[in-house]
Amino acid sequence: MKKIDVYILKKVLKTFIFVVLGLILVICAIDFTEKNDRFIEHSLKAGEIMRYYSTVIPYYIGFITPITVFIAVVFVTANLSARTEIIAILTSGISFYRMLFPYILSAACIGIISFFFNGYIVPDGNKFRIDFETKYIKRPSYYTDRNIHLKIDTEDYLYMQNYDTYAKTGYNVTLEHIQNYKMLSKLKGSRIQWDTAIDKWKLYDWENRVLDTFGEQISRGIVLDTFLHVTDADFESNQGMHETMTNPELSRHIELLHKRASDDVHSFIIEKYIRIMSPFAILILTLLGVLISSQKSRRGTGFLIALGFTLAFIYIIFFTLARAIAQNGAWNPLLAVWVPNITFLSICIIVFLLIKK
């Protein structure tokens, strides 16, 4: 690695850290101002608030990393261009493509760290953050679906008329066992309740019908301990749940939801795709940042930095809209997540073709 590579690499990484810290301070200051009334209302101690922000900060760092890399690259390259250092590099015999190497290397390093950071460290902190916000900041949400149908195993199907999250109780329950499109048994009950002492369900006023070669056998009872491949946690609000899972946990949960043919699988799939997409976003935005700021502008360095901030926030808006559309099921999740990257990669190619080498 040449000295010029180390020089650019250090500048990009140092500026990236500076930009991240600066934006995090601003975001946390705004966030604290908005939530301070809630903190006072619940008489929260300084230690509890500090612990909350110790999980909020990593969450925001993971979210803003792609745009902070872009801003850092624009700032560094615009300053190099203003001081004619880029001209000196190119006239020394180093090609423009070769000059991109330290930028790509810095993007790769940040992207790899970001992938593991968002996939394994941030989810653990999100568990406390979401519980804290549910308890003190937001109103708790409850499971409100009616006429619930769940595929709980390859051959077992569960139906409930409704479920009371607070009482951990479902009403008018039916459990069907089906093989080769034939119903082999049907277990019904007036209600089913989660027993926290034994971590099992109790079915009340039950009736079980079993179909076999000898006909139909019927049995009845008052209380039946029942094991199902679902727990009371499956009926709790899943708001933010995808943010609390590590990459392996997310993959396993998506597989489980697919088996159950659940409608809630979209948010988990989108989260998985976003974590995979993020390192590529860092690379694309890094290349775009170099291209738009490597040319010396008559309007000065400030204009290029302002342009960088503008494009960064356009990317955020674009990404947020695409994610919302995907969660509503209007677009394929994979396509929706990658649309901002594809768009900015197209801009990157156009700028590359237009720029004077």
Protein backbone atom coordinates (compact mmCIF):
# COMPACT_ATOMS: atom_id res chain seq x y z
CA MET A 1 0.00 0.00 0.00
CA LYS A 2 1.42 3.38 -1.02
CA LYS A 3 1.71 6.40 1.23
CA ILE A 4 -1.04 8.15 -0.72
CA ASP A 5 -3.38 5.22 0.05
CA VAL A 6 -2.66 5.45 3.77
CA TYR A 7 -3.05 9.24 3.61
CA ILE A 8 -6.53 9.08 2.00
CA LEU A 9 -7.61 6.10 4.10
CA LYS A 10 -6.78 7.87 7.36
CA LYS A 11 -8.55 11.04 6.26
CA VAL A 12 -11.72 9.18 5.27
CA LEU A 13 -11.88 7.11 8.49
CA LYS A 14 -11.12 10.06 10.77
CA THR A 15 -13.69 12.25 9.03
CA PHE A 16 -16.25 9.43 9.13
CA ILE A 17 -15.84 9.07 12.91
CA PHE A 18 -16.08 12.86 13.33
CA VAL A 19 -19.27 13.08 11.22
CA VAL A 20 -20.87 10.14 13.08
CA LEU A 21 -20.13 11.68 16.47
CA GLY A 22 -21.39 15.09 15.34
CA LEU A 23 -24.67 13.76 13.94
CA ILE A 24 -25.23 11.48 16.95
CA LEU A 25 -24.85 14.43 19.33
CA VAL A 26 -27.41 16.42 17.33
CA ILE A 27 -29.84 13.49 17.04
CA CYS A 28 -29.60 12.63 20.76
CA ALA A 29 -30.08 16.28 21.74
CA ILE A 30 -33.25 16.50 19.63
CA ASP A 31 -34.43 13.09 20.85
CA PHE A 32 -33.90 14.03 24.50
CA THR A 33 -35.77 17.31 24.05
CA GLU A 34 -38.78 15.47 22.58
CA LYS A 35 -38.85 12.77 25.27
CA ASN A 36 -37.88 14.78 28.33
CA ASP A 37 -41.51 15.33 29.34
CA ARG A 38 -42.02 11.56 29.42
CA PHE A 39 -38.89 11.09 31.52
CA ILE A 40 -40.16 13.67 34.03
CA GLU A 41 -43.68 12.21 33.99
CA HIS A 42 -42.37 8.77 35.01
CA SER A 43 -39.76 10.21 37.43
CA LEU A 44 -36.93 8.36 35.71
CA LYS A 45 -33.48 8.54 37.25
CA ALA A 46 -30.39 9.71 35.36
CA GLY A 47 -28.97 6.17 35.38
CA GLU A 48 -32.05 4.75 33.63
CA ILE A 49 -32.01 7.49 31.00
CA MET A 50 -28.28 7.00 30.39
CA ARG A 51 -28.78 3.26 29.97
CA TYR A 52 -31.55 3.96 27.47
CA TYR A 53 -29.31 6.23 25.41
CA SER A 54 -26.50 3.65 25.57
CA THR A 55 -28.78 1.49 23.41
CA VAL A 56 -30.22 4.35 21.32
CA ILE A 57 -26.79 5.54 20.17
CA PRO A 58 -25.74 2.19 18.57
CA TYR A 59 -29.18 1.98 16.91
CA TYR A 60 -28.77 5.41 15.30
CA ILE A 61 -25.15 4.73 14.34
CA GLY A 62 -26.25 1.64 12.44
CA PHE A 63 -28.99 3.62 10.70
CA ILE A 64 -26.89 6.62 9.60
CA THR A 65 -23.65 4.80 8.70
CA PRO A 66 -24.21 4.76 4.89
CA ILE A 67 -24.96 8.49 4.67
CA THR A 68 -22.20 9.47 7.10
CA VAL A 69 -19.69 7.59 4.95
CA PHE A 70 -21.00 9.49 1.94
CA ILE A 71 -20.72 12.86 3.70
CA ALA A 72 -17.20 12.02 4.95
CA VAL A 73 -16.04 11.01 1.45
CA VAL A 74 -17.47 14.18 -0.10
CA PHE A 75 -15.81 16.34 2.55
CA VAL A 76 -12.38 14.68 2.21
CA THR A 77 -12.39 14.56 -1.60
CA ALA A 78 -13.67 18.14 -1.97
CA ASN A 79 -10.83 19.38 0.25
CA LEU A 80 -8.26 17.35 -1.68
CA SER A 81 -9.61 18.82 -4.89
CA ALA A 82 -9.64 22.39 -3.52
CA ARG A 83 -5.98 22.07 -2.56
CA THR A 84 -5.20 20.59 -6.03
CA GLU A 85 -3.94 17.41 -4.35
CA ILE A 86 -6.01 15.27 -6.69
CA ILE A 87 -4.37 16.95 -9.70
CA ALA A 88 -0.98 16.24 -8.13
CA ILE A 89 -1.92 12.58 -7.60
CA LEU A 90 -3.10 12.13 -11.19
CA THR A 91 -0.11 13.95 -12.72
CA SER A 92 2.25 11.72 -10.72
CA GLY A 93 1.15 8.81 -12.88
CA ILE A 94 -1.58 7.34 -10.66
CA SER A 95 -4.75 6.70 -12.64
CA PHE A 96 -8.18 7.80 -11.46
CA TYR A 97 -9.15 4.13 -11.05
CA ARG A 98 -6.10 3.48 -8.87
CA MET A 99 -6.91 6.53 -6.77
CA LEU A 100 -10.27 4.93 -5.91
CA PHE A 101 -8.53 2.04 -4.12
CA PRO A 102 -8.24 3.64 -0.62
CA TYR A 103 -11.85 4.82 -0.87
CA ILE A 104 -13.07 1.33 -1.76
CA LEU A 105 -10.90 -0.16 0.99
CA SER A 106 -12.36 2.23 3.60
CA ALA A 107 -15.90 1.48 2.36
CA ALA A 108 -15.23 -2.28 2.56
CA CYS A 109 -13.87 -2.00 6.12
CA ILE A 110 -16.79 0.12 7.32
CA GLY A 111 -19.27 -2.09 5.45
CA ILE A 112 -18.03 -5.34 7.02
CA ILE A 113 -17.95 -3.83 10.51
CA SER A 114 -21.41 -2.35 9.93
CA PHE A 115 -22.83 -5.72 8.85
CA PHE A 116 -21.71 -7.49 12.04
CA PHE A 117 -22.55 -4.44 14.18
CA ASN A 118 -26.15 -4.29 12.88
CA GLY A 119 -26.56 -8.06 12.82
CA TYR A 120 -25.20 -9.04 16.22
CA ILE A 121 -24.58 -6.05 18.55
CA VAL A 122 -27.43 -3.61 17.87
CA PRO A 123 -30.25 -6.24 18.21
CA ASP A 124 -29.19 -7.05 21.76
CA GLY A 125 -29.44 -3.37 22.76
CA ASN A 126 -32.72 -3.01 20.89
CA LYS A 127 -34.38 -5.43 23.30
CA PHE A 128 -33.92 -2.99 26.17
CA ARG A 129 -34.60 0.07 23.97
CA ILE A 130 -37.94 -1.20 22.67
CA ASP A 131 -39.07 -2.40 26.13
CA PHE A 132 -38.14 0.99 27.59
CA GLU A 133 -39.99 2.92 24.87
CA THR A 134 -43.05 0.67 25.21
CA LYS A 135 -43.11 1.20 28.98
CA TYR A 136 -42.32 4.91 29.22
CA ILE A 137 -42.47 6.60 25.79
CA LYS A 138 -45.15 4.97 23.68
CA ARG A 139 -48.48 3.44 24.48
CA PRO A 140 -48.24 -0.37 24.70
CA SER A 141 -49.91 -2.18 21.81
CA TYR A 142 -51.87 -5.39 22.16
CA TYR A 143 -52.79 -8.27 19.93
CA THR A 144 -56.15 -7.30 18.45
CA ASP A 145 -56.63 -9.75 15.56
CA ARG A 146 -59.87 -11.73 15.34
CA ASN A 147 -60.59 -15.03 13.61
CA ILE A 148 -56.97 -16.10 13.97
CA HIS A 149 -55.75 -18.92 11.72
CA LEU A 150 -52.27 -20.35 12.30
CA LYS A 151 -50.38 -23.21 10.74
CA ILE A 152 -48.42 -24.35 13.79
CA ASP A 153 -46.84 -27.46 12.29
CA THR A 154 -46.68 -29.26 8.97
CA GLU A 155 -49.99 -31.00 9.68
CA ASP A 156 -51.55 -28.97 12.52
CA TYR A 157 -53.76 -25.88 12.22
CA LEU A 158 -55.00 -23.63 15.02
CA TYR A 159 -58.05 -21.36 14.97
CA MET A 160 -59.16 -18.84 17.63
CA GLN A 161 -62.03 -16.42 17.50
CA ASN A 162 -59.95 -13.85 19.42
CA TYR A 163 -57.05 -13.64 21.89
CA ASP A 164 -56.73 -11.54 25.04
CA THR A 165 -53.05 -10.63 25.48
CA TYR A 166 -53.51 -9.36 29.03
CA ALA A 167 -55.27 -12.54 30.23
CA LYS A 168 -53.13 -14.80 27.97
CA THR A 169 -56.37 -16.46 26.87
CA GLY A 170 -57.88 -17.41 23.53
CA TYR A 171 -61.57 -18.09 22.96
CA ASN A 172 -63.52 -20.59 20.80
CA VAL A 173 -60.47 -22.65 19.92
CA THR A 174 -60.13 -25.38 17.31
CA LEU A 175 -57.03 -27.51 16.66
CA GLU A 176 -57.12 -29.64 13.50
CA HIS A 177 -54.72 -32.39 12.46
CA ILE A 178 -54.72 -32.94 8.69
CA GLN A 179 -52.77 -35.46 6.60
CA ASN A 180 -52.96 -35.72 2.81
CA TYR A 181 -55.91 -33.31 2.75
CA LYS A 182 -57.84 -35.51 5.22
CA MET A 183 -58.80 -34.41 8.71
CA LEU A 184 -57.72 -37.05 11.25
CA SER A 185 -58.64 -35.22 14.45
CA LYS A 186 -60.40 -32.08 15.63
CA LEU A 187 -59.90 -30.73 19.15
CA LYS A 188 -62.24 -27.96 20.28
CA GLY A 189 -62.48 -25.89 23.44
CA SER A 190 -64.34 -22.89 24.79
CA ARG A 191 -61.04 -21.23 25.75
CA ILE A 192 -57.33 -21.89 25.96
CA GLN A 193 -55.04 -20.24 28.51
CA TRP A 194 -51.26 -20.06 28.83
CA ASP A 195 -50.05 -21.46 32.16
CA THR A 196 -46.86 -19.60 33.06
CA ALA A 197 -46.03 -22.12 35.82
CA ILE A 198 -45.57 -25.05 33.41
CA ASP A 199 -45.18 -23.12 30.13
CA LYS A 200 -48.06 -25.03 28.53
CA TRP A 201 -51.56 -24.33 27.35
CA LYS A 202 -54.66 -25.41 29.28
CA LEU A 203 -57.73 -26.13 27.18
CA TYR A 204 -61.09 -25.78 28.94
CA ASP A 205 -64.42 -27.49 28.17
CA TRP A 206 -62.79 -29.51 25.44
CA GLU A 207 -64.08 -32.04 22.95
CA ASN A 208 -61.82 -34.21 20.79
CA ARG A 209 -63.02 -36.05 17.66
CA VAL A 210 -60.67 -38.65 16.16
CA LEU A 211 -61.39 -40.23 12.78
CA ASP A 212 -59.90 -43.65 12.04
CA THR A 213 -60.76 -46.83 10.18
CA PHE A 214 -63.31 -47.73 12.88
CA GLY A 215 -65.20 -44.47 12.51
CA GLU A 216 -65.35 -41.50 14.83
CA GLN A 217 -64.24 -41.52 18.46
CA ILE A 218 -65.32 -38.68 20.71
CA SER A 219 -63.89 -37.75 24.09
CA ARG A 220 -64.69 -34.80 26.35
CA GLY A 221 -63.33 -33.16 29.47
CA ILE A 222 -63.11 -30.03 31.57
CA VAL A 223 -59.35 -29.23 31.52
CA LEU A 224 -56.62 -30.58 29.25
CA ASP A 225 -52.89 -29.74 29.35
CA THR A 226 -51.98 -29.15 25.73
CA PHE A 227 -48.60 -28.80 24.05
CA LEU A 228 -48.57 -26.63 20.93
CA HIS A 229 -45.76 -25.29 18.77
CA VAL A 230 -46.80 -21.78 19.77
CA THR A 231 -46.46 -19.87 23.03
CA ASP A 232 -48.11 -16.78 24.48
CA ALA A 233 -45.20 -14.75 23.04
CA ASP A 234 -46.53 -15.50 19.53
CA PHE A 235 -49.63 -13.46 20.37
CA GLU A 236 -47.83 -10.47 21.85
CA SER A 237 -47.30 -7.34 19.80
CA ASN A 238 -44.45 -7.90 17.32
CA GLN A 239 -43.81 -4.18 16.94
CA GLY A 240 -40.04 -3.78 16.58
CA MET A 241 -39.49 -7.49 17.15
CA HIS A 242 -37.46 -7.83 13.94
CA GLU A 243 -35.00 -5.26 15.30
CA THR A 244 -34.25 -7.38 18.39
CA MET A 245 -33.08 -10.47 16.50
CA THR A 246 -29.54 -11.33 15.44
CA ASN A 247 -29.01 -12.52 11.87
CA PRO A 248 -29.31 -16.27 12.71
CA GLU A 249 -32.37 -15.64 14.89
CA LEU A 250 -33.95 -13.59 12.11
CA SER A 251 -33.41 -16.36 9.55
CA ARG A 252 -34.90 -19.01 11.86
CA HIS A 253 -37.92 -16.82 12.64
CA ILE A 254 -38.57 -16.14 8.95
CA GLU A 255 -38.48 -19.89 8.30
CA LEU A 256 -40.97 -20.45 11.13
CA LEU A 257 -43.32 -17.76 9.82
CA HIS A 258 -43.17 -19.28 6.33
CA LYS A 259 -44.21 -22.64 7.76
CA ARG A 260 -47.16 -20.95 9.44
CA ALA A 261 -48.00 -18.99 6.27
CA SER A 262 -48.01 -15.86 8.43
CA ASP A 263 -48.88 -12.44 7.00
CA ASP A 264 -46.38 -10.77 9.36
CA VAL A 265 -43.34 -12.22 7.63
CA HIS A 266 -42.76 -9.13 5.44
CA SER A 267 -41.24 -6.93 8.13
CA PHE A 268 -38.76 -9.65 9.09
CA ILE A 269 -37.76 -10.32 5.47
CA ILE A 270 -37.28 -6.60 4.85
CA GLU A 271 -35.06 -6.32 7.94
CA LYS A 272 -32.92 -9.21 6.71
CA TYR A 273 -32.54 -7.69 3.23
CA ILE A 274 -31.68 -4.27 4.68
CA ARG A 275 -28.85 -5.72 6.75
CA ILE A 276 -27.43 -7.43 3.65
CA MET A 277 -27.96 -4.36 1.48
CA SER A 278 -26.34 -1.84 3.83
CA PRO A 279 -22.66 -2.67 3.06
CA PHE A 280 -23.38 -2.36 -0.68
CA ALA A 281 -25.04 1.01 -0.03
CA ILE A 282 -21.86 2.16 1.70
CA LEU A 283 -19.77 1.16 -1.32
CA ILE A 284 -22.10 2.79 -3.88
CA LEU A 285 -22.38 6.03 -1.92
CA THR A 286 -18.61 6.11 -1.46
CA LEU A 287 -18.03 5.90 -5.22
CA LEU A 288 -20.69 8.55 -5.87
CA GLY A 289 -19.14 10.81 -3.25
CA VAL A 290 -15.72 10.61 -4.92
CA LEU A 291 -17.16 11.25 -8.38
CA ILE A 292 -19.19 14.37 -7.52
CA SER A 293 -16.47 15.98 -5.39
CA SER A 294 -13.26 15.08 -7.23
CA GLN A 295 -13.68 17.93 -9.71
CA LYS A 296 -12.68 21.39 -8.54
CA SER A 297 -15.81 23.54 -8.35
CA ARG A 298 -15.95 27.31 -8.94
CA ARG A 299 -18.56 27.48 -6.19
CA GLY A 300 -16.05 26.20 -3.66
CA THR A 301 -15.81 23.29 -1.25
CA GLY A 302 -18.87 24.41 0.70
CA PHE A 303 -21.11 23.86 -2.31
CA LEU A 304 -19.87 20.27 -2.76
CA ILE A 305 -20.35 19.51 0.93
CA ALA A 306 -23.87 20.98 0.83
CA LEU A 307 -24.57 18.87 -2.28
CA GLY A 308 -23.35 15.82 -0.39
CA PHE A 309 -25.73 16.51 2.52
CA THR A 310 -28.61 17.05 0.08
CA LEU A 311 -28.02 13.77 -1.75
CA ALA A 312 -27.60 11.96 1.56
CA PHE A 313 -31.01 13.09 2.80
CA ILE A 314 -32.60 12.32 -0.58
CA TYR A 315 -31.27 8.80 -0.16
CA ILE A 316 -32.83 8.57 3.33
CA ILE A 317 -36.21 9.75 2.04
CA PHE A 318 -36.03 7.39 -0.93
CA PHE A 319 -35.06 4.47 1.30
CA THR A 320 -37.82 5.23 3.84
CA LEU A 321 -40.50 5.41 1.13
CA ALA A 322 -39.35 2.18 -0.51
CA ARG A 323 -39.37 0.40 2.85
CA ALA A 324 -42.89 1.64 3.68
CA ILE A 325 -44.19 0.49 0.29
CA ALA A 326 -42.61 -2.94 0.78
CA GLN A 327 -44.15 -3.32 4.26
CA ASN A 328 -47.57 -2.62 2.76
CA GLY A 329 -47.00 -5.49 0.35
CA ALA A 330 -47.18 -3.32 -2.77
CA TRP A 331 -43.65 -4.27 -3.89
CA ASN A 332 -41.49 -7.33 -3.65
CA PRO A 333 -39.39 -6.83 -0.47
CA LEU A 334 -36.07 -7.57 -2.18
CA LEU A 335 -36.80 -5.14 -5.03
CA ALA A 336 -38.03 -2.41 -2.67
CA VAL A 337 -34.95 -2.60 -0.46
CA TRP A 338 -32.60 -2.47 -3.44
CA VAL A 339 -34.39 0.30 -5.38
CA PRO A 340 -32.45 3.13 -3.62
CA ASN A 341 -29.16 1.35 -4.27
CA ILE A 342 -30.01 0.64 -7.90
CA THR A 343 -31.09 4.26 -8.40
CA PHE A 344 -27.95 5.73 -6.85
CA LEU A 345 -25.76 3.22 -8.69
CA SER A 346 -27.35 4.42 -11.94
CA ILE A 347 -26.60 8.03 -10.94
CA CYS A 348 -23.06 6.95 -10.14
CA ILE A 349 -22.60 5.41 -13.61
CA ILE A 350 -24.06 8.50 -15.35
CA VAL A 351 -21.77 10.84 -13.38
CA PHE A 352 -18.80 8.60 -14.13
CA LEU A 353 -19.53 8.73 -17.87
CA LEU A 354 -19.93 12.53 -17.83
CA ILE A 355 -16.99 13.39 -15.62
CA LYS A 356 -13.73 14.56 -17.19
CA LYS A 357 -10.92 12.17 -16.36
